[in-house]
Amino acid sequence: MDFERRLNYMSTTKFAKTTEEFDHRFDEGEDIHDLIDMTKAKIVRHGKKVRITLDIAEELVQEIDQIRQSIGVDRSALIKVWLHERVQKEKAGISKQ
């Protein structure tokens, strides 16, 4: 996008009011770079990495691979995200008790 088009786009773009609207606009392919304030971005470092080994059924690995290929990420990244989401869910459930 050239400078003049970008400047015009910035002046006419309405900011997303909710995260759902932002996600929808991103999913629809809208250029969201001008909607993000990178001055407030944070790099989160989760501490020292620890290597683990898991024995998983071959069928489950194949299912995971089908999912990861459809969304374009590697297997370990997908598993890390799923583990993180589950831990957050469990922690939220514990805090409600």
Protein backbone atom coordinates (compact mmCIF):
# COMPACT_ATOMS: atom_id res chain seq x y z
CA MET A 1 0.00 0.00 0.00
CA ASP A 2 1.57 3.33 -1.01
CA PHE A 3 1.85 6.22 1.44
CA GLU A 4 -1.15 8.26 0.17
CA ARG A 5 -3.49 5.26 0.12
CA ARG A 6 -2.30 4.27 3.60
CA LEU A 7 -2.86 7.79 4.92
CA ASN A 8 -6.37 7.83 3.42
CA TYR A 9 -7.05 4.35 4.79
CA MET A 10 -5.93 5.44 8.27
CA SER A 11 -8.17 8.50 8.24
CA THR A 12 -11.24 6.53 7.12
CA THR A 13 -10.72 3.32 9.12
CA LYS A 14 -12.95 2.82 12.11
CA PHE A 15 -11.34 1.08 15.02
CA ALA A 16 -12.82 -2.20 16.22
CA LYS A 17 -14.96 -1.72 19.31
CA THR A 18 -14.64 -5.31 20.55
CA THR A 19 -12.14 -8.13 20.27
CA GLU A 20 -14.77 -10.12 18.39
CA GLU A 21 -15.06 -7.36 15.78
CA PHE A 22 -11.28 -7.14 15.52
CA ASP A 23 -11.00 -10.93 15.08
CA HIS A 24 -13.75 -10.90 12.45
CA ARG A 25 -12.05 -8.12 10.48
CA PHE A 26 -8.73 -9.96 10.68
CA ASP A 27 -10.35 -13.23 9.59
CA GLU A 28 -11.94 -11.43 6.62
CA GLY A 29 -8.47 -10.37 5.48
CA GLU A 30 -8.64 -6.70 6.42
CA ASP A 31 -5.27 -5.00 6.91
CA ILE A 32 -5.23 -4.57 10.69
CA HIS A 33 -1.74 -3.10 11.09
CA ASP A 34 -3.11 0.41 11.52
CA LEU A 35 -5.50 -0.81 14.21
CA ILE A 36 -2.70 -1.99 16.49
CA ASP A 37 -0.76 0.32 18.80
CA MET A 38 2.64 -1.36 18.75
CA THR A 39 3.99 1.08 21.35
CA LYS A 40 2.01 -0.90 23.93
CA ALA A 41 3.10 -4.33 22.69
CA LYS A 42 4.86 -6.55 25.20
CA ILE A 43 7.17 -9.47 24.70
CA VAL A 44 6.24 -12.18 27.15
CA ARG A 45 9.01 -14.52 28.17
CA HIS A 46 7.76 -17.58 29.99
CA GLY A 47 11.03 -18.54 31.62
CA LYS A 48 13.39 -21.38 30.98
CA LYS A 49 12.28 -23.96 28.42
CA VAL A 50 12.10 -27.59 29.51
CA ARG A 51 12.10 -30.43 27.00
CA ILE A 52 9.52 -33.18 27.54
CA THR A 53 8.89 -36.42 25.70
CA LEU A 54 5.41 -37.84 25.16
CA ASP A 55 4.37 -41.21 23.88
CA ILE A 56 1.19 -40.67 21.85
CA ALA A 57 -0.88 -43.06 19.77
CA GLU A 58 -0.06 -42.82 16.06
CA GLU A 59 -3.72 -42.17 15.21
CA LEU A 60 -3.79 -39.15 17.54
CA VAL A 61 -0.62 -37.76 15.96
CA GLN A 62 -2.21 -38.14 12.52
CA GLU A 63 -5.31 -36.26 13.69
CA ILE A 64 -3.15 -33.49 15.18
CA ASP A 65 -1.22 -33.28 11.91
CA GLN A 66 -4.43 -32.90 9.90
CA ILE A 67 -5.50 -30.01 12.11
CA ARG A 68 -2.12 -28.30 12.08
CA GLN A 69 -1.82 -28.57 8.31
CA SER A 70 -5.26 -27.03 7.83
CA ILE A 71 -4.27 -23.97 9.88
CA GLY A 72 -0.64 -23.81 8.76
CA VAL A 73 1.33 -24.29 11.97
CA ASP A 74 3.80 -26.91 13.05
CA ARG A 75 2.85 -29.72 15.41
CA SER A 76 4.80 -28.53 18.43
CA ALA A 77 3.39 -25.00 18.19
CA LEU A 78 -0.16 -26.31 18.08
CA ILE A 79 0.39 -28.63 21.04
CA LYS A 80 1.98 -25.79 23.05
CA VAL A 81 -1.02 -23.54 22.39
CA TRP A 82 -3.44 -26.31 23.37
CA LEU A 83 -1.52 -27.03 26.57
CA HIS A 84 -1.42 -23.33 27.45
CA GLU A 85 -5.16 -22.95 26.84
CA ARG A 86 -5.94 -25.99 28.99
CA VAL A 87 -3.74 -24.80 31.85
CA GLN A 88 -5.44 -21.39 31.78
CA LYS A 89 -8.86 -23.09 31.80
CA GLU A 90 -7.89 -25.29 34.74
CA LYS A 91 -6.47 -22.32 36.67
CA ALA A 92 -9.69 -20.37 36.09
CA GLY A 93 -11.72 -23.33 37.38
CA ILE A 94 -9.57 -23.63 40.49
CA SER A 95 -9.87 -19.93 41.30
CA LYS A 96 -13.69 -20.18 41.20
CA GLN A 97 -13.75 -22.88 43.88
